[in-house]
Amino acid sequence: MVGSTEWQEDDMQFMVIERFRNQNANAVYQRFREQGGLTPEGLTFGGSWVEASLDRCFQLMECDDASLIQRWVAQWSDLVSFEIVPVVAKGGDITETFFSQAH
């Protein structure tokens, strides 16, 4: 479930936590092999990690329009449940981000 890998400075970043419905990772990987990641143009894939138990998958995604991630989730929601967490890159100016949100 991947798309482009070109990051843009102003884009929002999200950690996507996927849980395979009915613990059926095979159905997810079969669809991926047949149809690709189904990511809309403008949704960028940053990396993917699978839990050793294969219960969850973690993906870093980026876009400038949150509706893109919603469209992508809709393509997979029959096979995967999603938790979407907005994140700030460790190398970014975290202090400035939180300070501006507090006021």
Foldseek 3Di string as FASTA:
>chain_A
DFDAADDDPQKWKKKKKKFWVVLCVVVVVVCCVVPNQPQDPFKHWHDKDADPVNGIMITMIIGRDVVRVVSSCVVCVVTIDIDIGTDDDPPDPVVVVVVVVVD
